[in-house]
Each structure stands twice: as structure tokens, then as C-alpha cells.
PDB file of N, CA and C in Angstrom:
ATOM      1  N   MET A   1      15.507  -8.947  -5.141  1.00  0.00           N
ATOM      2  CA  MET A   1      14.420  -8.407  -4.327  1.00  0.00           C
ATOM      3  C   MET A   1      14.206  -6.947  -4.691  1.00  0.00           C
ATOM      4  N   LYS A   2      12.969  -6.584  -4.917  1.00  0.00           N
ATOM      5  CA  LYS A   2      12.638  -5.192  -5.251  1.00  0.00           C
ATOM      6  C   LYS A   2      12.782  -4.308  -4.026  1.00  0.00           C
ATOM      7  N   ARG A   3      13.147  -3.069  -4.274  1.00  0.00           N
ATOM      8  CA  ARG A   3      13.188  -2.073  -3.204  1.00  0.00           C
ATOM      9  C   ARG A   3      11.791  -1.474  -3.051  1.00  0.00           C
ATOM     10  N   ILE A   4      11.563  -0.789  -1.949  1.00  0.00           N
ATOM     11  CA  ILE A   4      10.281  -0.126  -1.693  1.00  0.00           C
ATOM     12  C   ILE A   4      10.462   1.371  -1.847  1.00  0.00           C
ATOM     13  N   GLU A   5       9.508   2.002  -2.536  1.00  0.00           N
ATOM     14  CA  GLU A   5       9.457   3.454  -2.579  1.00  0.00           C
ATOM     15  C   GLU A   5       8.135   3.873  -1.957  1.00  0.00           C
ATOM     16  N   TRP A   6       8.238   4.682  -0.934  1.00  0.00           N
ATOM     17  CA  TRP A   6       7.069   5.170  -0.211  1.00  0.00           C
ATOM     18  C   TRP A   6       6.644   6.491  -0.832  1.00  0.00           C
ATOM     19  N   LEU A   7       5.420   6.582  -1.286  1.00  0.00           N
ATOM     20  CA  LEU A   7       4.931   7.799  -1.926  1.00  0.00           C
ATOM     21  C   LEU A   7       4.088   8.611  -0.956  1.00  0.00           C
ATOM     22  N   GLY A   8       4.093   9.917  -1.150  1.00  0.00           N
ATOM     23  CA  GLY A   8       3.280  10.806  -0.322  1.00  0.00           C
ATOM     24  C   GLY A   8       3.653  10.674   1.149  1.00  0.00           C
ATOM     25  N   THR A   9       2.650  10.566   1.988  1.00  0.00           N
ATOM     26  CA  THR A   9       2.855  10.482   3.437  1.00  0.00           C
ATOM     27  C   THR A   9       2.794   9.043   3.949  1.00  0.00           C
ATOM     28  N   SER A  10       2.841   8.068   3.043  1.00  0.00           N
ATOM     29  CA  SER A  10       2.636   6.675   3.448  1.00  0.00           C
ATOM     30  C   SER A  10       3.648   6.196   4.492  1.00  0.00           C
ATOM     31  N   LEU A  11       4.919   6.534   4.344  1.00  0.00           N
ATOM     32  CA  LEU A  11       5.921   6.077   5.312  1.00  0.00           C
ATOM     33  C   LEU A  11       5.666   6.680   6.688  1.00  0.00           C
ATOM     34  N   ASN A  12       5.397   7.974   6.742  1.00  0.00           N
ATOM     35  CA  ASN A  12       5.123   8.610   8.036  1.00  0.00           C
ATOM     36  C   ASN A  12       3.867   8.036   8.678  1.00  0.00           C
ATOM     37  N   THR A  13       2.874   7.721   7.869  1.00  0.00           N
ATOM     38  CA  THR A  13       1.652   7.134   8.408  1.00  0.00           C
ATOM     39  C   THR A  13       1.934   5.778   9.024  1.00  0.00           C
ATOM     40  N   VAL A  14       2.678   4.934   8.318  1.00  0.00           N
ATOM     41  CA  VAL A  14       3.009   3.608   8.856  1.00  0.00           C
ATOM     42  C   VAL A  14       3.863   3.739  10.114  1.00  0.00           C
ATOM     43  N   ARG A  15       4.759   4.698  10.131  1.00  0.00           N
ATOM     44  CA  ARG A  15       5.585   4.915  11.333  1.00  0.00           C
ATOM     45  C   ARG A  15       4.736   5.270  12.545  1.00  0.00           C
ATOM     46  N   ASP A  16       3.560   5.857  12.324  1.00  0.00           N
ATOM     47  CA  ASP A  16       2.661   6.216  13.422  1.00  0.00           C
ATOM     48  C   ASP A  16       1.787   5.049  13.882  1.00  0.00           C
ATOM     49  N   PHE A  17       1.768   3.950  13.129  1.00  0.00           N
ATOM     50  CA  PHE A  17       1.000   2.771  13.533  1.00  0.00           C
ATOM     51  C   PHE A  17       1.673   2.138  14.759  1.00  0.00           C
ATOM     52  N   PRO A  18       0.913   1.378  15.556  1.00  0.00           N
ATOM     53  CA  PRO A  18       1.520   0.662  16.686  1.00  0.00           C
ATOM     54  C   PRO A  18       2.580  -0.342  16.193  1.00  0.00           C
ATOM     55  N   GLN A  19       3.501  -0.683  17.070  1.00  0.00           N
ATOM     56  CA  GLN A  19       4.624  -1.542  16.710  1.00  0.00           C
ATOM     57  C   GLN A  19       4.177  -2.872  16.094  1.00  0.00           C
ATOM     58  N   ASP A  20       3.174  -3.523  16.655  1.00  0.00           N
ATOM     59  CA  ASP A  20       2.726  -4.818  16.121  1.00  0.00           C
ATOM     60  C   ASP A  20       2.210  -4.680  14.689  1.00  0.00           C
ATOM     61  N   ALA A  21       1.461  -3.627  14.426  1.00  0.00           N
ATOM     62  CA  ALA A  21       0.934  -3.402  13.078  1.00  0.00           C
ATOM     63  C   ALA A  21       2.083  -3.104  12.113  1.00  0.00           C
ATOM     64  N   ARG A  22       3.049  -2.290  12.545  1.00  0.00           N
ATOM     65  CA  ARG A  22       4.213  -1.994  11.694  1.00  0.00           C
ATOM     66  C   ARG A  22       4.984  -3.261  11.353  1.00  0.00           C
ATOM     67  N   LEU A  23       5.167  -4.116  12.336  1.00  0.00           N
ATOM     68  CA  LEU A  23       5.890  -5.369  12.119  1.00  0.00           C
ATOM     69  C   LEU A  23       5.168  -6.241  11.096  1.00  0.00           C
ATOM     70  N   MET A  24       3.866  -6.365  11.240  1.00  0.00           N
ATOM     71  CA  MET A  24       3.092  -7.182  10.312  1.00  0.00           C
ATOM     72  C   MET A  24       3.130  -6.596   8.892  1.00  0.00           C
ATOM     73  N   ILE A  25       3.009  -5.284   8.789  1.00  0.00           N
ATOM     74  CA  ILE A  25       3.074  -4.636   7.473  1.00  0.00           C
ATOM     75  C   ILE A  25       4.451  -4.860   6.856  1.00  0.00           C
ATOM     76  N   GLY A  26       5.484  -4.752   7.658  1.00  0.00           N
ATOM     77  CA  GLY A  26       6.836  -5.004   7.167  1.00  0.00           C
ATOM     78  C   GLY A  26       6.999  -6.420   6.637  1.00  0.00           C
ATOM     79  N   GLN A  27       6.439  -7.399   7.345  1.00  0.00           N
ATOM     80  CA  GLN A  27       6.519  -8.791   6.901  1.00  0.00           C
ATOM     81  C   GLN A  27       5.759  -8.985   5.592  1.00  0.00           C
ATOM     82  N   GLU A  28       4.604  -8.375   5.490  1.00  0.00           N
ATOM     83  CA  GLU A  28       3.809  -8.493   4.265  1.00  0.00           C
ATOM     84  C   GLU A  28       4.538  -7.851   3.087  1.00  0.00           C
ATOM     85  N   LEU A  29       5.132  -6.686   3.306  1.00  0.00           N
ATOM     86  CA  LEU A  29       5.854  -6.012   2.232  1.00  0.00           C
ATOM     87  C   LEU A  29       7.103  -6.794   1.815  1.00  0.00           C
ATOM     88  N   GLN A  30       7.729  -7.496   2.754  1.00  0.00           N
ATOM     89  CA  GLN A  30       8.876  -8.335   2.393  1.00  0.00           C
ATOM     90  C   GLN A  30       8.453  -9.453   1.441  1.00  0.00           C
ATOM     91  N   LEU A  31       7.276 -10.026   1.668  1.00  0.00           N
ATOM     92  CA  LEU A  31       6.759 -11.039   0.743  1.00  0.00           C
ATOM     93  C   LEU A  31       6.608 -10.444  -0.657  1.00  0.00           C
ATOM     94  N   VAL A  32       6.020  -9.245  -0.713  1.00  0.00           N
ATOM     95  CA  VAL A  32       5.813  -8.581  -2.002  1.00  0.00           C
ATOM     96  C   VAL A  32       7.156  -8.281  -2.668  1.00  0.00           C
ATOM     97  N   GLN A  33       8.119  -7.811  -1.909  1.00  0.00           N
ATOM     98  CA  GLN A  33       9.442  -7.515  -2.457  1.00  0.00           C
ATOM     99  C   GLN A  33      10.079  -8.759  -3.082  1.00  0.00           C
ATOM    100  N   ALA A  34       9.798  -9.917  -2.499  1.00  0.00           N
ATOM    101  CA  ALA A  34      10.382 -11.175  -2.978  1.00  0.00           C
ATOM    102  C   ALA A  34       9.574 -11.784  -4.123  1.00  0.00           C
ATOM    103  N   GLY A  35       8.486 -11.120  -4.520  1.00  0.00           N
ATOM    104  CA  GLY A  35       7.703 -11.589  -5.653  1.00  0.00           C
ATOM    105  C   GLY A  35       6.493 -12.433  -5.290  1.00  0.00           C
ATOM    106  N   PHE A  36       6.163 -12.503  -3.996  1.00  0.00           N
ATOM    107  CA  PHE A  36       5.007 -13.261  -3.542  1.00  0.00           C
ATOM    108  C   PHE A  36       3.849 -12.327  -3.226  1.00  0.00           C
ATOM    109  N   MET A  37       2.680 -12.905  -3.059  1.00  0.00           N
ATOM    110  CA  MET A  37       1.521 -12.120  -2.635  1.00  0.00           C
ATOM    111  C   MET A  37       1.489 -12.092  -1.106  1.00  0.00           C
ATOM    112  N   PRO A  38       0.975 -11.008  -0.516  1.00  0.00           N
ATOM    113  CA  PRO A  38       0.858 -10.965   0.942  1.00  0.00           C
ATOM    114  C   PRO A  38      -0.156 -12.011   1.424  1.00  0.00           C
ATOM    115  N   THR A  39      -0.162 -12.268   2.715  1.00  0.00           N
ATOM    116  CA  THR A  39      -1.058 -13.295   3.251  1.00  0.00           C
ATOM    117  C   THR A  39      -2.510 -12.821   3.318  1.00  0.00           C
ATOM    118  N   ASP A  40      -2.726 -11.541   3.514  1.00  0.00           N
ATOM    119  CA  ASP A  40      -4.085 -10.995   3.562  1.00  0.00           C
ATOM    120  C   ASP A  40      -4.114  -9.738   2.697  1.00  0.00           C
ATOM    121  N   PHE A  41      -4.744  -9.852   1.534  1.00  0.00           N
ATOM    122  CA  PHE A  41      -4.738  -8.741   0.584  1.00  0.00           C
ATOM    123  C   PHE A  41      -6.047  -8.723  -0.196  1.00  0.00           C
ATOM    124  N   LYS A  42      -6.223  -7.622  -0.912  1.00  0.00           N
ATOM    125  CA  LYS A  42      -7.392  -7.462  -1.770  1.00  0.00           C
ATOM    126  C   LYS A  42      -6.972  -6.659  -2.992  1.00  0.00           C
ATOM    127  N   PRO A  43      -7.344  -7.101  -4.194  1.00  0.00           N
ATOM    128  CA  PRO A  43      -7.076  -6.276  -5.377  1.00  0.00           C
ATOM    129  C   PRO A  43      -7.840  -4.959  -5.282  1.00  0.00           C
ATOM    130  N   MET A  44      -7.240  -3.894  -5.770  1.00  0.00           N
ATOM    131  CA  MET A  44      -7.859  -2.566  -5.737  1.00  0.00           C
ATOM    132  C   MET A  44      -7.926  -1.995  -7.153  1.00  0.00           C
ATOM    133  N   PRO A  45      -8.734  -2.591  -8.042  1.00  0.00           N
ATOM    134  CA  PRO A  45      -8.789  -2.109  -9.426  1.00  0.00           C
ATOM    135  C   PRO A  45      -9.307  -0.677  -9.547  1.00  0.00           C
ATOM    136  N   THR A  46     -10.065  -0.205  -8.558  1.00  0.00           N
ATOM    137  CA  THR A  46     -10.543   1.178  -8.617  1.00  0.00           C
ATOM    138  C   THR A  46      -9.390   2.175  -8.450  1.00  0.00           C
ATOM    139  N   VAL A  47      -8.294   1.738  -7.833  1.00  0.00           N
ATOM    140  CA  VAL A  47      -7.118   2.594  -7.682  1.00  0.00           C
ATOM    141  C   VAL A  47      -6.316   2.599  -8.980  1.00  0.00           C
ATOM    142  N   GLY A  48      -6.156   1.417  -9.571  1.00  0.00           N
ATOM    143  CA  GLY A  48      -5.409   1.301 -10.812  1.00  0.00           C
ATOM    144  C   GLY A  48      -5.001  -0.134 -11.064  1.00  0.00           C
ATOM    145  N   ALA A  49      -4.577  -0.410 -12.277  1.00  0.00           N
ATOM    146  CA  ALA A  49      -4.182  -1.760 -12.663  1.00  0.00           C
ATOM    147  C   ALA A  49      -2.998  -2.224 -11.826  1.00  0.00           C
ATOM    148  N   GLY A  50      -3.143  -3.374 -11.195  1.00  0.00           N
ATOM    149  CA  GLY A  50      -2.060  -3.941 -10.408  1.00  0.00           C
ATOM    150  C   GLY A  50      -1.962  -3.426  -8.988  1.00  0.00           C
ATOM    151  N   ALA A  51      -2.916  -2.611  -8.550  1.00  0.00           N
ATOM    152  CA  ALA A  51      -2.903  -2.097  -7.173  1.00  0.00           C
ATOM    153  C   ALA A  51      -3.551  -3.112  -6.235  1.00  0.00           C
ATOM    154  N   TYR A  52      -2.947  -3.263  -5.063  1.00  0.00           N
ATOM    155  CA  TYR A  52      -3.455  -4.174  -4.050  1.00  0.00           C
ATOM    156  C   TYR A  52      -3.444  -3.491  -2.693  1.00  0.00           C
ATOM    157  N   GLU A  53      -4.271  -4.020  -1.808  1.00  0.00           N
ATOM    158  CA  GLU A  53      -4.356  -3.511  -0.444  1.00  0.00           C
ATOM    159  C   GLU A  53      -3.905  -4.612   0.501  1.00  0.00           C
ATOM    160  N   ILE A  54      -2.908  -4.330   1.315  1.00  0.00           N
ATOM    161  CA  ILE A  54      -2.516  -5.232   2.396  1.00  0.00           C
ATOM    162  C   ILE A  54      -3.413  -4.931   3.576  1.00  0.00           C
ATOM    163  N   ARG A  55      -3.969  -6.000   4.150  1.00  0.00           N
ATOM    164  CA  ARG A  55      -4.895  -5.833   5.277  1.00  0.00           C
ATOM    165  C   ARG A  55      -4.278  -6.420   6.543  1.00  0.00           C
ATOM    166  N   VAL A  56      -4.151  -5.573   7.562  1.00  0.00           N
ATOM    167  CA  VAL A  56      -3.618  -5.997   8.855  1.00  0.00           C
ATOM    168  C   VAL A  56      -4.659  -5.679   9.912  1.00  0.00           C
ATOM    169  N   ARG A  57      -5.050  -6.714  10.629  1.00  0.00           N
ATOM    170  CA  ARG A  57      -6.018  -6.548  11.719  1.00  0.00           C
ATOM    171  C   ARG A  57      -5.288  -6.774  13.034  1.00  0.00           C
ATOM    172  N   GLU A  58      -4.898  -5.689  13.649  1.00  0.00           N
ATOM    173  CA  GLU A  58      -4.161  -5.736  14.907  1.00  0.00           C
ATOM    174  C   GLU A  58      -4.772  -4.679  15.816  1.00  0.00           C
ATOM    175  N   GLY A  59      -5.896  -5.044  16.472  1.00  0.00           N
ATOM    176  CA  GLY A  59      -6.675  -4.049  17.214  1.00  0.00           C
ATOM    177  C   GLY A  59      -7.536  -3.283  16.228  1.00  0.00           C
ATOM    178  N   ASN A  60      -6.958  -2.262  15.609  1.00  0.00           N
ATOM    179  CA  ASN A  60      -7.626  -1.540  14.529  1.00  0.00           C
ATOM    180  C   ASN A  60      -7.366  -2.265  13.208  1.00  0.00           C
ATOM    181  N   GLN A  61      -7.899  -1.717  12.142  1.00  0.00           N
ATOM    182  CA  GLN A  61      -7.667  -2.276  10.814  1.00  0.00           C
ATOM    183  C   GLN A  61      -6.724  -1.332  10.066  1.00  0.00           C
ATOM    184  N   TYR A  62      -5.537  -1.817   9.784  1.00  0.00           N
ATOM    185  CA  TYR A  62      -4.511  -1.023   9.117  1.00  0.00           C
ATOM    186  C   TYR A  62      -4.415  -1.465   7.663  1.00  0.00           C
ATOM    187  N   ARG A  63      -4.245  -0.493   6.782  1.00  0.00           N
ATOM    188  CA  ARG A  63      -4.219  -0.788   5.352  1.00  0.00           C
ATOM    189  C   ARG A  63      -3.037  -0.088   4.683  1.00  0.00           C
ATOM    190  N   VAL A  64      -2.465  -0.793   3.709  1.00  0.00           N
ATOM    191  CA  VAL A  64      -1.413  -0.238   2.866  1.00  0.00           C
ATOM    192  C   VAL A  64      -1.785  -0.590   1.432  1.00  0.00           C
ATOM    193  N   ILE A  65      -1.889   0.419   0.578  1.00  0.00           N
ATOM    194  CA  ILE A  65      -2.182   0.182  -0.834  1.00  0.00           C
ATOM    195  C   ILE A  65      -0.871   0.340  -1.602  1.00  0.00           C
ATOM    196  N   TYR A  66      -0.574  -0.658  -2.414  1.00  0.00           N
ATOM    197  CA  TYR A  66       0.694  -0.663  -3.133  1.00  0.00           C
ATOM    198  C   TYR A  66       0.494  -1.168  -4.555  1.00  0.00           C
ATOM    199  N   VAL A  67       1.525  -0.961  -5.369  1.00  0.00           N
ATOM    200  CA  VAL A  67       1.575  -1.534  -6.720  1.00  0.00           C
ATOM    201  C   VAL A  67       2.988  -2.097  -6.907  1.00  0.00           C
ATOM    202  N   ALA A  68       3.057  -3.346  -7.402  1.00  0.00           N
ATOM    203  CA  ALA A  68       4.351  -4.016  -7.563  1.00  0.00           C
ATOM    204  C   ALA A  68       4.551  -4.537  -8.979  1.00  0.00           C
ATOM    205  N   LYS A  69       3.753  -4.059  -9.922  1.00  0.00           N
ATOM    206  CA  LYS A  69       3.816  -4.602 -11.280  1.00  0.00           C
ATOM    207  C   LYS A  69       5.019  -4.098 -12.082  1.00  0.00           C
ATOM    208  N   PHE A  70       5.687  -3.092 -11.588  1.00  0.00           N
ATOM    209  CA  PHE A  70       6.852  -2.560 -12.273  1.00  0.00           C
ATOM    210  C   PHE A  70       8.099  -3.338 -11.837  1.00  0.00           C
ATOM    211  N   SER A  71       9.081  -3.415 -12.716  1.00  0.00           N
ATOM    212  CA  SER A  71      10.245  -4.261 -12.444  1.00  0.00           C
ATOM    213  C   SER A  71      11.198  -3.682 -11.398  1.00  0.00           C
ATOM    214  N   ASP A  72      11.119  -2.369 -11.167  1.00  0.00           N
ATOM    215  CA  ASP A  72      12.119  -1.741 -10.327  1.00  0.00           C
ATOM    216  C   ASP A  72      11.795  -1.670  -8.839  1.00  0.00           C
ATOM    217  N   TYR A  73      10.584  -1.324  -8.494  1.00  0.00           N
ATOM    218  CA  TYR A  73      10.228  -1.075  -7.100  1.00  0.00           C
ATOM    219  C   TYR A  73       8.837  -1.610  -6.772  1.00  0.00           C
ATOM    220  N   VAL A  74       8.603  -1.750  -5.465  1.00  0.00           N
ATOM    221  CA  VAL A  74       7.252  -1.865  -4.922  1.00  0.00           C
ATOM    222  C   VAL A  74       6.920  -0.443  -4.478  1.00  0.00           C
ATOM    223  N   TYR A  75       5.868   0.117  -5.033  1.00  0.00           N
ATOM    224  CA  TYR A  75       5.478   1.486  -4.708  1.00  0.00           C
ATOM    225  C   TYR A  75       4.328   1.460  -3.713  1.00  0.00           C
ATOM    226  N   VAL A  76       4.561   2.020  -2.524  1.00  0.00           N
ATOM    227  CA  VAL A  76       3.495   2.136  -1.530  1.00  0.00           C
ATOM    228  C   VAL A  76       2.785   3.454  -1.810  1.00  0.00           C
ATOM    229  N   LEU A  77       1.529   3.339  -2.222  1.00  0.00           N
ATOM    230  CA  LEU A  77       0.765   4.511  -2.639  1.00  0.00           C
ATOM    231  C   LEU A  77       0.133   5.259  -1.466  1.00  0.00           C
ATOM    232  N   HIS A  78      -0.352   4.485  -0.480  1.00  0.00           N
ATOM    233  CA  HIS A  78      -1.102   5.115   0.610  1.00  0.00           C
ATOM    234  C   HIS A  78      -1.191   4.143   1.777  1.00  0.00           C
ATOM    235  N   ALA A  79      -1.214   4.662   2.982  1.00  0.00           N
ATOM    236  CA  ALA A  79      -1.410   3.873   4.195  1.00  0.00           C
ATOM    237  C   ALA A  79      -2.415   4.610   5.073  1.00  0.00           C
ATOM    238  N   PHE A  80      -3.266   3.842   5.750  1.00  0.00           N
ATOM    239  CA  PHE A  80      -4.313   4.465   6.566  1.00  0.00           C
ATOM    240  C   PHE A  80      -4.904   3.458   7.533  1.00  0.00           C
ATOM    241  N   ILE A  81      -5.645   3.982   8.514  1.00  0.00           N
ATOM    242  CA  ILE A  81      -6.423   3.148   9.423  1.00  0.00           C
ATOM    243  C   ILE A  81      -7.839   3.122   8.879  1.00  0.00           C
ATOM    244  N   LYS A  82      -8.348   1.927   8.660  1.00  0.00           N
ATOM    245  CA  LYS A  82      -9.696   1.780   8.106  1.00  0.00           C
ATOM    246  C   LYS A  82     -10.694   1.825   9.258  1.00  0.00           C
ATOM    247  N   LYS A  83     -11.657   2.730   9.148  1.00  0.00           N
ATOM    248  CA  LYS A  83     -12.612   2.934  10.237  1.00  0.00           C
ATOM    249  C   LYS A  83     -14.039   2.589   9.853  1.00  0.00           C
ATOM    250  N   THR A  84     -14.278   2.293   8.572  1.00  0.00           N
ATOM    251  CA  THR A  84     -15.622   1.968   8.098  1.00  0.00           C
ATOM    252  C   THR A  84     -15.565   0.648   7.335  1.00  0.00           C
ATOM    253  N   PRO A  85     -16.706  -0.035   7.173  1.00  0.00           N
ATOM    254  CA  PRO A  85     -16.680  -1.304   6.432  1.00  0.00           C
ATOM    255  C   PRO A  85     -16.168  -1.157   5.000  1.00  0.00           C
ATOM    256  N   LYS A  86     -16.467  -0.043   4.372  1.00  0.00           N
ATOM    257  CA  LYS A  86     -16.025   0.212   3.010  1.00  0.00           C
ATOM    258  C   LYS A  86     -14.877   1.219   3.062  1.00  0.00           C
ATOM    259  N   THR A  87     -13.884   1.055   2.184  1.00  0.00           N
ATOM    260  CA  THR A  87     -12.770   1.999   2.162  1.00  0.00           C
ATOM    261  C   THR A  87     -13.288   3.398   1.852  1.00  0.00           C
ATOM    262  N   ALA A  88     -12.899   4.344   2.681  1.00  0.00           N
ATOM    263  CA  ALA A  88     -13.388   5.719   2.553  1.00  0.00           C
ATOM    264  C   ALA A  88     -12.905   6.351   1.245  1.00  0.00           C
ATOM    265  N   LYS A  89     -13.765   7.164   0.647  1.00  0.00           N
ATOM    266  CA  LYS A  89     -13.455   7.818  -0.618  1.00  0.00           C
ATOM    267  C   LYS A  89     -12.168   8.644  -0.558  1.00  0.00           C
ATOM    268  N   PRO A  90     -11.928   9.423   0.502  1.00  0.00           N
ATOM    269  CA  PRO A  90     -10.669  10.179   0.538  1.00  0.00           C
ATOM    270  C   PRO A  90      -9.433   9.272   0.474  1.00  0.00           C
ATOM    271  N   ASP A  91      -9.493   8.092   1.086  1.00  0.00           N
ATOM    272  CA  ASP A  91      -8.362   7.167   1.028  1.00  0.00           C
ATOM    273  C   ASP A  91      -8.184   6.621  -0.385  1.00  0.00           C
ATOM    274  N   LEU A  92      -9.290   6.274  -1.036  1.00  0.00           N
ATOM    275  CA  LEU A  92      -9.218   5.811  -2.427  1.00  0.00           C
ATOM    276  C   LEU A  92      -8.688   6.920  -3.336  1.00  0.00           C
ATOM    277  N   ASP A  93      -9.167   8.136  -3.127  1.00  0.00           N
ATOM    278  CA  ASP A  93      -8.734   9.269  -3.949  1.00  0.00           C
ATOM    279  C   ASP A  93      -7.233   9.534  -3.793  1.00  0.00           C
ATOM    280  N   THR A  94      -6.736   9.429  -2.560  1.00  0.00           N
ATOM    281  CA  THR A  94      -5.305   9.632  -2.325  1.00  0.00           C
ATOM    282  C   THR A  94      -4.491   8.576  -3.057  1.00  0.00           C
ATOM    283  N   ALA A  95      -4.900   7.319  -2.949  1.00  0.00           N
ATOM    284  CA  ALA A  95      -4.172   6.233  -3.621  1.00  0.00           C
ATOM    285  C   ALA A  95      -4.218   6.409  -5.135  1.00  0.00           C
ATOM    286  N   LYS A  96      -5.392   6.773  -5.680  1.00  0.00           N
ATOM    287  CA  LYS A  96      -5.521   6.999  -7.131  1.00  0.00           C
ATOM    288  C   LYS A  96      -4.618   8.135  -7.589  1.00  0.00           C
ATOM    289  N   SER A  97      -4.583   9.200  -6.814  1.00  0.00           N
ATOM    290  CA  SER A  97      -3.763  10.357  -7.153  1.00  0.00           C
ATOM    291  C   SER A  97      -2.280   9.992  -7.143  1.00  0.00           C
ATOM    292  N   GLN A  98      -1.849   9.251  -6.137  1.00  0.00           N
ATOM    293  CA  GLN A  98      -0.443   8.831  -6.074  1.00  0.00           C
ATOM    294  C   GLN A  98      -0.099   7.920  -7.250  1.00  0.00           C
ATOM    295  N   TYR A  99      -1.032   7.050  -7.615  1.00  0.00           N
ATOM    296  CA  TYR A  99      -0.803   6.145  -8.743  1.00  0.00           C
ATOM    297  C   TYR A  99      -0.678   6.934 -10.048  1.00  0.00           C
ATOM    298  N   ALA A 100      -1.575   7.895 -10.238  1.00  0.00           N
ATOM    299  CA  ALA A 100      -1.533   8.727 -11.446  1.00  0.00           C
ATOM    300  C   ALA A 100      -0.217   9.500 -11.533  1.00  0.00           C
ATOM    301  N   THR A 101       0.232  10.045 -10.412  1.00  0.00           N
ATOM    302  CA  THR A 101       1.499  10.769 -10.375  1.00  0.00           C
ATOM    303  C   THR A 101       2.660   9.828 -10.698  1.00  0.00           C
ATOM    304  N   LEU A 102       2.620   8.623 -10.168  1.00  0.00           N
ATOM    305  CA  LEU A 102       3.655   7.636 -10.448  1.00  0.00           C
ATOM    306  C   LEU A 102       3.704   7.301 -11.933  1.00  0.00           C
ATOM    307  N   LEU A 103       2.553   7.081 -12.538  1.00  0.00           N
ATOM    308  CA  LEU A 103       2.513   6.751 -13.961  1.00  0.00           C
ATOM    309  C   LEU A 103       3.068   7.875 -14.828  1.00  0.00           C
ATOM    310  N   LYS A 104       2.735   9.116 -14.471  1.00  0.00           N
ATOM    311  CA  LYS A 104       3.269  10.268 -15.212  1.00  0.00           C
ATOM    312  C   LYS A 104       4.784  10.337 -15.082  1.00  0.00           C
ATOM    313  N   ARG A 105       5.279  10.100 -13.892  1.00  0.00           N
ATOM    314  CA  ARG A 105       6.720  10.131 -13.630  1.00  0.00           C
ATOM    315  C   ARG A 105       7.451   9.044 -14.413  1.00  0.00           C
ATOM    316  N   LYS A 106       6.842   7.870 -14.504  1.00  0.00           N
ATOM    317  CA  LYS A 106       7.494   6.757 -15.201  1.00  0.00           C
ATOM    318  C   LYS A 106       7.484   6.968 -16.724  1.00  0.00           C
ATOM    319  N   LYS A 107       6.538   7.752 -17.244  1.00  0.00           N
ATOM    320  CA  LYS A 107       6.482   8.015 -18.686  1.00  0.00           C
ATOM    321  C   LYS A 107       7.512   9.038 -19.127  1.00  0.00           C
ATOM    322  N   SER A 108       7.933   9.903 -18.201  1.00  0.00           N
ATOM    323  CA  SER A 108       8.877  10.952 -18.611  1.00  0.00           C
ATOM    324  C   SER A 108      10.316  10.546 -18.446  1.00  0.00           C
TER     325      SER A 108
END
């Protein structure tokens, strides 16, 4: 089972989500750690190759963007509450930036 590495403020953001949303996100991430796809997800090619968004609808809409294509870890790039029908540009930019930083780190 892969370990999880939380990048940026993603862990603190998820910790601020309500308990039910945190539980659901935890269950979805356990599936990913075991090599399965989450039950409700969307590919996020605009973030980067192999990036996906876990979607949790528990009152509000909670999102976690991650990448699991590497053999060592599941990297959580960004977590946020989705407030508009389309993912907000600042959220996409944060996830892209975290992904770019991760790729640079893995090359060195």
C-alpha cells in the first residue's frame, strides 16, 4: 500500500472539513493507496498527467486533487471546498504549482 504525502496546505485544509467529509475523503484515499480508483473522481489533465480529483458531496462539495502515478506515494496536491460549477482558477493554479514542484523535486 502506498503512503500519502500531503503537499502545501492540503492536510490542514482537509482537517478543517466537517467530520463526515473527512471520513469520506479518507475512505477514497485508502482506495487509491491500495491501487484502486476512488468511487467518485474526475481526471484533471489541466493540472498534470495522472492528476485526479476526488469528489465528495457532503452538504458542501469537497475536493482533493491528487496524483498516484509514482511508485512511492500518493501525493495530495490540493484540497478545497468547491463553490462554483467550474473549478476555480486559483484552485487549479495551486494544484498545478504543487505538481510542478513535485516533479522538480523528483528529478533532483
